[in-house]
Amino acid sequence: MENDIFCYVCGNKSNLIYRDYPGYVEGTKYHIYNCNNCNTNFIDQSSIDISIYDIIYSQKNVLGYDRYFKYAEKVKTEKDPLKYLALSESMYYPVYRFLKGKKNLKILEVGCGNGYLSYSMNKLGHDVTGIDLSGNAITNAKKNYGNYFVNSSVEDFGKNNNEKYDLIVSTEVIEHVKNPVLFFKELYNLLNKNGTLILTTPDMGFTKNSSIWFTDLPPVHLFWFSYQSFKQICEVNKYKYNFFNYKNYYPKNDNRLVRYLRFRNESIQNPLLNRDGNPIDNYDVSLDYFPRKQFKNILLKFPPVRFITNMFYNLLINKDITLCIMVTKE
């Protein structure tokens, strides 16, 4: 029965919480499940086509992924590209903080996409390798930055290489993989002794408890994880871990309070690609009427207002849309 599906994280029987949720591609639908034991939401992975990632990385105007192409160009003009990324988006901030003051680390980025984070770490003098499943993404990365990128899954990479790494970085990747527990193990096995794994994903705890799927539409994202999800994986496998604290994070173009309030109200999302794989324009111009646009500009683009608001947010709420776990190999 469709209700009798077991959690891919902890193995417990899970509950069907939403039937026929719209998918990333127009006309597709997915059932959403929740595991009460480890508080993970997910879809059934029995019929997933990963070719959707090559579609996304073959064009520059897919909503949500278009910013990655902007980052890929912008980092080439920045004196400190990693700092630029860290202040642009919270998923890169833990990497920036971890590498501060460190030299000559051997680093693997898993799920490097177009390669701009690997490039930014390489510019700091570290020995970096980036891997990704998408052939299109790796082609873009090599063209932009050089020949230190490999088109591979982490499983195949581990089988074909004897290298171990001081740092493994995987930002916003685990929610895409079919077996997150195995993915954790594969990354852990590639670490040197005392090496560190930095892994980020959208945080289910950033939204209301009743939220169903406030993350990228399935099957681009297969999971929506929580703190409990990662605690379950790490404690069962006896990994030494801690969660990164964003209390000192002051992004350059984001008002964290505004984002938090926006995530109090979930709505069912619309597909982003049509059946031919072309982007659908879902932008609602009514949201940009004059008073709202001006108020938004003050909150986001006027530095003193943004800083003060973020300061109070960090003191009072201190949650982030990104969940970051850091695992050390003993």
Protein backbone atom coordinates (compact mmCIF):
# COMPACT_ATOMS: atom_id res chain seq x y z
CA MET A 1 0.00 0.00 0.00
CA GLU A 2 1.15 3.55 -0.68
CA ASN A 3 0.77 4.40 3.02
CA ASP A 4 3.20 1.63 4.01
CA ILE A 5 6.43 3.36 3.09
CA PHE A 6 9.46 3.28 5.37
CA CYS A 7 11.69 6.22 6.16
CA TYR A 8 14.92 6.36 4.15
CA VAL A 9 16.70 7.90 7.17
CA CYS A 10 15.71 5.72 10.13
CA GLY A 11 13.66 2.87 8.67
CA ASN A 12 10.49 3.59 10.64
CA LYS A 13 7.07 3.40 9.04
CA SER A 14 6.06 6.85 7.80
CA ASN A 15 2.81 8.70 7.21
CA LEU A 16 1.37 10.02 3.96
CA ILE A 17 0.75 13.72 4.69
CA TYR A 18 -0.04 15.10 1.22
CA ARG A 19 -1.25 13.32 -1.89
CA ASP A 20 -0.32 14.53 -5.41
CA TYR A 21 1.88 17.50 -4.54
CA PRO A 22 2.89 19.38 -7.75
CA GLY A 23 6.30 18.44 -9.11
CA TYR A 24 9.08 20.57 -10.59
CA VAL A 25 7.91 19.63 -14.10
CA GLU A 26 4.42 20.61 -15.20
CA GLY A 27 1.92 17.75 -14.92
CA THR A 28 3.95 15.65 -12.47
CA LYS A 29 2.74 14.89 -8.96
CA TYR A 30 4.28 13.27 -5.87
CA HIS A 31 3.05 12.00 -2.53
CA ILE A 32 4.73 13.60 0.50
CA TYR A 33 5.53 11.45 3.55
CA ASN A 34 6.63 12.32 7.07
CA CYS A 35 8.55 10.21 9.57
CA ASN A 36 7.51 10.96 13.15
CA ASN A 37 10.62 9.28 14.54
CA CYS A 38 13.29 11.46 12.89
CA ASN A 39 11.07 14.30 11.61
CA THR A 40 11.98 13.96 7.93
CA ASN A 41 9.70 14.72 4.99
CA PHE A 42 10.35 12.88 1.74
CA ILE A 43 8.90 11.47 -1.46
CA ASP A 44 8.95 7.89 -2.76
CA GLN A 45 12.21 7.42 -4.68
CA SER A 46 11.11 4.37 -6.71
CA SER A 47 10.80 6.25 -10.03
CA ILE A 48 13.18 9.23 -10.04
CA ASP A 49 14.92 10.49 -13.19
CA ILE A 50 18.16 12.38 -12.40
CA SER A 51 18.33 13.81 -15.94
CA ILE A 52 16.38 16.79 -14.58
CA TYR A 53 19.68 18.16 -13.19
CA ASP A 54 21.25 18.29 -16.64
CA ILE A 55 18.16 20.18 -17.84
CA ILE A 56 18.57 22.72 -15.03
CA TYR A 57 22.31 23.20 -15.62
CA SER A 58 21.91 23.50 -19.39
CA GLN A 59 20.07 26.84 -19.15
CA LYS A 60 20.57 30.02 -17.16
CA ASN A 61 17.02 31.16 -16.49
CA VAL A 62 15.50 28.45 -14.26
CA LEU A 63 14.02 30.28 -11.27
CA GLY A 64 16.05 29.58 -8.13
CA TYR A 65 18.99 28.08 -10.01
CA ASP A 66 19.66 31.17 -12.12
CA ARG A 67 21.60 32.71 -9.20
CA TYR A 68 24.23 29.98 -9.46
CA PHE A 69 25.19 31.19 -12.91
CA LYS A 70 25.50 34.72 -11.50
CA TYR A 71 27.80 33.47 -8.74
CA ALA A 72 29.88 31.59 -11.32
CA GLU A 73 30.68 34.86 -13.12
CA LYS A 74 30.86 37.16 -10.11
CA VAL A 75 33.49 35.15 -8.17
CA LYS A 76 35.99 35.72 -10.99
CA THR A 77 35.93 39.46 -10.31
CA GLU A 78 36.08 39.32 -6.49
CA LYS A 79 39.28 39.75 -4.45
CA ASP A 80 37.94 37.31 -1.85
CA PRO A 81 35.38 35.19 -3.71
CA LEU A 82 34.62 32.93 -0.73
CA LYS A 83 33.72 35.93 1.43
CA TYR A 84 31.48 37.20 -1.37
CA LEU A 85 29.64 33.85 -1.46
CA ALA A 86 29.39 33.70 2.34
CA LEU A 87 27.76 37.13 2.53
CA SER A 88 25.47 36.30 -0.40
CA GLU A 89 23.99 33.07 0.92
CA SER A 90 24.06 31.30 4.27
CA MET A 91 24.99 27.86 2.91
CA TYR A 92 28.53 29.13 2.18
CA TYR A 93 29.07 30.96 5.48
CA PRO A 94 30.14 27.89 7.55
CA VAL A 95 32.78 27.06 4.90
CA TYR A 96 34.09 30.63 5.03
CA ARG A 97 34.29 30.58 8.84
CA PHE A 98 35.93 27.15 8.94
CA LEU A 99 38.65 28.06 6.44
CA LYS A 100 39.51 31.37 8.06
CA GLY A 101 43.20 31.23 8.99
CA LYS A 102 43.73 27.72 7.59
CA LYS A 103 46.29 26.95 4.88
CA ASN A 104 46.97 24.25 2.29
CA LEU A 105 44.09 21.88 3.04
CA LYS A 106 43.19 19.04 0.72
CA ILE A 107 39.51 19.67 -0.03
CA LEU A 108 36.79 17.76 -1.88
CA GLU A 109 33.57 19.49 -2.86
CA VAL A 110 30.78 16.98 -3.53
CA GLY A 111 28.01 18.32 -5.72
CA CYS A 112 30.08 21.25 -6.96
CA GLY A 113 27.61 22.29 -9.68
CA ASN A 114 29.14 25.01 -11.84
CA GLY A 115 32.27 25.00 -9.68
CA TYR A 116 32.34 28.50 -8.18
CA LEU A 117 32.70 27.35 -4.55
CA SER A 118 35.56 25.01 -5.45
CA TYR A 119 37.17 27.88 -7.34
CA SER A 120 36.75 30.21 -4.35
CA MET A 121 38.43 27.72 -2.01
CA ASN A 122 41.18 27.09 -4.57
CA LYS A 123 41.90 30.84 -4.72
CA LEU A 124 42.76 30.70 -1.00
CA GLY A 125 45.59 28.30 -1.80
CA HIS A 126 43.90 25.00 -0.96
CA ASP A 127 44.16 21.84 -3.08
CA VAL A 128 40.57 21.44 -4.26
CA THR A 129 38.73 18.82 -6.30
CA GLY A 130 35.07 19.30 -7.28
CA ILE A 131 32.78 16.45 -8.34
CA ASP A 132 29.22 16.48 -9.65
CA LEU A 133 26.78 14.10 -11.32
CA SER A 134 25.81 16.65 -13.98
CA GLY A 135 27.96 16.53 -17.09
CA ASN A 136 26.73 19.97 -18.10
CA ALA A 137 27.74 21.45 -14.74
CA ILE A 138 31.25 19.93 -14.91
CA THR A 139 31.70 21.20 -18.47
CA ASN A 140 30.78 24.70 -17.26
CA ALA A 141 33.16 24.42 -14.29
CA LYS A 142 36.16 23.29 -16.38
CA LYS A 143 35.51 25.99 -18.96
CA ASN A 144 35.38 28.70 -16.28
CA TYR A 145 38.05 27.66 -13.79
CA GLY A 146 40.31 24.83 -14.91
CA ASN A 147 40.79 21.10 -14.88
CA TYR A 148 40.17 20.17 -11.24
CA PHE A 149 36.60 18.94 -11.68
CA VAL A 150 35.32 15.39 -12.18
CA ASN A 151 31.97 14.17 -13.52
CA SER A 152 31.21 11.44 -10.98
CA SER A 153 28.99 10.26 -8.17
CA VAL A 154 30.62 10.18 -4.74
CA GLU A 155 30.23 6.39 -4.74
CA ASP A 156 32.18 5.95 -7.99
CA PHE A 157 34.71 8.58 -6.95
CA GLY A 158 35.44 6.72 -3.73
CA LYS A 159 35.87 3.43 -5.60
CA ASN A 160 38.24 4.91 -8.18
CA ASN A 161 40.40 7.07 -5.87
CA ASN A 162 42.52 6.32 -2.83
CA GLU A 163 42.76 9.97 -1.77
CA LYS A 164 41.64 11.16 1.65
CA TYR A 165 40.67 14.76 2.43
CA ASP A 166 41.14 17.24 5.26
CA LEU A 167 37.82 18.88 4.43
CA ILE A 168 34.79 17.67 2.48
CA VAL A 169 32.16 20.26 1.59
CA SER A 170 28.69 19.42 0.33
CA THR A 171 26.28 22.35 0.21
CA GLU A 172 22.61 21.71 -0.59
CA VAL A 173 23.25 18.24 -2.05
CA ILE A 174 22.02 15.61 0.41
CA GLU A 175 18.38 16.55 -0.23
CA HIS A 176 18.92 15.41 -3.85
CA VAL A 177 20.30 11.92 -3.14
CA LYS A 178 18.25 8.74 -2.87
CA ASN A 179 20.05 7.25 0.13
CA PRO A 180 21.17 9.97 2.57
CA VAL A 181 22.53 7.51 5.15
CA LEU A 182 24.81 5.87 2.57
CA PHE A 183 25.79 9.32 1.28
CA PHE A 184 26.92 10.32 4.77
CA LYS A 185 28.99 7.13 5.06
CA GLU A 186 30.62 7.63 1.66
CA LEU A 187 31.65 11.18 2.57
CA TYR A 188 32.89 10.12 6.01
CA ASN A 189 35.03 7.36 4.50
CA LEU A 190 36.81 9.91 2.28
CA LEU A 191 37.98 11.98 5.27
CA ASN A 192 41.45 11.95 6.73
CA LYS A 193 41.73 11.29 10.46
CA ASN A 194 40.67 14.54 12.19
CA GLY A 195 39.20 15.66 8.87
CA THR A 196 35.93 17.60 8.79
CA LEU A 197 32.75 17.23 6.78
CA ILE A 198 30.63 20.38 6.30
CA LEU A 199 27.19 19.54 5.00
CA THR A 200 24.26 21.94 4.50
CA THR A 201 20.63 21.52 3.51
CA PRO A 202 17.38 23.55 3.73
CA ASP A 203 16.18 23.43 7.34
CA MET A 204 12.70 22.08 7.98
CA GLY A 205 12.80 23.70 11.42
CA PHE A 206 12.91 27.17 9.88
CA THR A 207 9.20 26.94 9.01
CA LYS A 208 6.03 26.21 10.94
CA ASN A 209 5.67 22.65 12.23
CA SER A 210 2.68 22.11 9.94
CA SER A 211 4.60 22.91 6.75
CA ILE A 212 4.58 20.19 4.10
CA TRP A 213 7.24 21.00 1.50
CA PHE A 214 8.77 24.49 1.75
CA THR A 215 11.80 23.52 -0.35
CA ASP A 216 12.54 22.86 -4.04
CA LEU A 217 9.78 20.90 -5.72
CA PRO A 218 10.16 17.13 -6.15
CA PRO A 219 11.97 15.34 -7.63
CA VAL A 220 14.69 18.05 -7.60
CA HIS A 221 14.58 17.72 -3.82
CA LEU A 222 13.74 14.24 -2.57
CA PHE A 223 13.98 15.14 1.13
CA TRP A 224 13.33 17.97 3.52
CA PHE A 225 15.52 17.41 6.59
CA SER A 226 15.46 18.58 10.20
CA TYR A 227 17.94 18.60 13.10
CA GLN A 228 16.46 15.29 14.20
CA SER A 229 17.16 13.78 10.77
CA PHE A 230 20.88 14.47 11.04
CA LYS A 231 21.10 13.56 14.74
CA GLN A 232 19.57 10.20 13.85
CA ILE A 233 22.18 9.52 11.15
CA CYS A 234 25.15 10.68 13.22
CA GLU A 235 24.22 9.00 16.49
CA VAL A 236 23.42 5.64 14.89
CA ASN A 237 26.80 5.72 13.13
CA LYS A 238 28.64 7.17 16.17
CA TYR A 239 29.88 10.25 14.28
CA LYS A 240 31.27 13.17 16.28
CA TYR A 241 29.18 16.16 15.19
CA ASN A 242 27.92 19.63 15.98
CA PHE A 243 25.49 22.01 14.32
CA PHE A 244 26.77 25.34 13.03
CA ASN A 245 25.33 28.37 14.84
CA TYR A 246 24.37 31.32 12.62
CA LYS A 247 24.09 33.84 15.49
CA ASN A 248 26.88 36.01 14.02
CA TYR A 249 25.70 35.87 10.41
CA TYR A 250 25.07 39.25 8.77
CA PRO A 251 24.43 38.71 5.04
CA LYS A 252 25.01 41.53 2.60
CA ASN A 253 21.70 41.45 0.73
CA ASP A 254 19.30 39.56 2.97
CA ASN A 255 17.09 40.63 5.85
CA ARG A 256 16.82 37.47 7.92
CA LEU A 257 13.72 38.65 9.79
CA VAL A 258 11.85 39.29 6.54
CA ARG A 259 12.79 35.86 5.27
CA TYR A 260 11.70 34.24 8.55
CA LEU A 261 8.32 35.96 8.47
CA ARG A 262 7.81 34.97 4.83
CA PHE A 263 8.31 31.33 5.81
CA ARG A 264 5.47 31.53 8.36
CA ASN A 265 2.96 31.21 5.51
CA GLU A 266 3.30 28.18 3.26
CA SER A 267 1.48 27.95 -0.06
CA ILE A 268 1.43 25.13 -2.60
CA GLN A 269 4.15 25.85 -5.15
CA ASN A 270 3.76 25.89 -8.93
CA PRO A 271 5.88 23.82 -11.37
CA LEU A 272 8.96 25.59 -12.75
CA LEU A 273 9.53 23.63 -15.99
CA ASN A 274 7.03 22.75 -18.71
CA ARG A 275 6.85 19.29 -20.25
CA ASP A 276 9.51 20.27 -22.81
CA GLY A 277 11.98 21.21 -20.05
CA ASN A 278 11.66 24.97 -20.57
CA PRO A 279 11.24 27.40 -17.64
CA ILE A 280 7.74 28.59 -16.76
CA ASP A 281 7.47 32.24 -15.76
CA ASN A 282 5.79 32.14 -12.33
CA TYR A 283 6.69 35.67 -11.31
CA ASP A 284 3.68 37.62 -10.06
CA VAL A 285 4.07 41.27 -11.03
CA SER A 286 1.31 42.20 -8.59
CA LEU A 287 3.80 41.56 -5.76
CA ASP A 288 5.95 44.43 -6.99
CA TYR A 289 3.50 47.29 -6.69
CA PHE A 290 5.10 50.57 -5.66
CA PRO A 291 4.68 50.79 -1.82
CA ARG A 292 5.65 47.15 -1.29
CA LYS A 293 8.66 47.44 -3.59
CA GLN A 294 9.94 50.55 -1.82
CA PHE A 295 9.47 49.02 1.62
CA LYS A 296 11.31 45.89 0.44
CA ASN A 297 14.20 48.00 -0.86
CA ILE A 298 14.55 49.76 2.51
CA LEU A 299 14.61 46.48 4.45
CA LEU A 300 16.97 44.65 2.09
CA LYS A 301 19.17 47.27 0.45
CA PHE A 302 19.59 50.02 3.06
CA PRO A 303 22.57 48.73 5.12
CA PRO A 304 21.80 50.35 8.53
CA VAL A 305 18.20 49.07 8.55
CA ARG A 306 19.27 45.62 7.36
CA PHE A 307 22.06 45.39 9.95
CA ILE A 308 19.91 46.50 12.90
CA THR A 309 17.07 44.16 11.90
CA ASN A 310 19.47 41.25 11.49
CA MET A 311 21.08 42.04 14.85
CA PHE A 312 17.74 41.82 16.67
CA TYR A 313 16.83 38.72 14.70
CA ASN A 314 20.07 37.00 15.69
CA LEU A 315 19.52 37.85 19.35
CA LEU A 316 15.85 36.89 19.55
CA ILE A 317 15.29 34.09 17.02
CA ASN A 318 18.66 32.86 15.75
CA LYS A 319 17.36 30.38 13.16
CA ASP A 320 18.49 30.13 9.58
CA ILE A 321 16.96 28.72 6.43
CA THR A 322 20.14 26.63 6.13
CA LEU A 323 20.84 23.69 8.41
CA CYS A 324 24.58 23.00 8.68
CA ILE A 325 26.14 19.97 10.36
CA MET A 326 29.90 19.59 10.87
CA VAL A 327 31.25 16.06 11.37
CA THR A 328 34.81 15.29 12.53
CA LYS A 329 36.46 11.95 11.85
CA GLU A 330 38.21 10.66 14.96
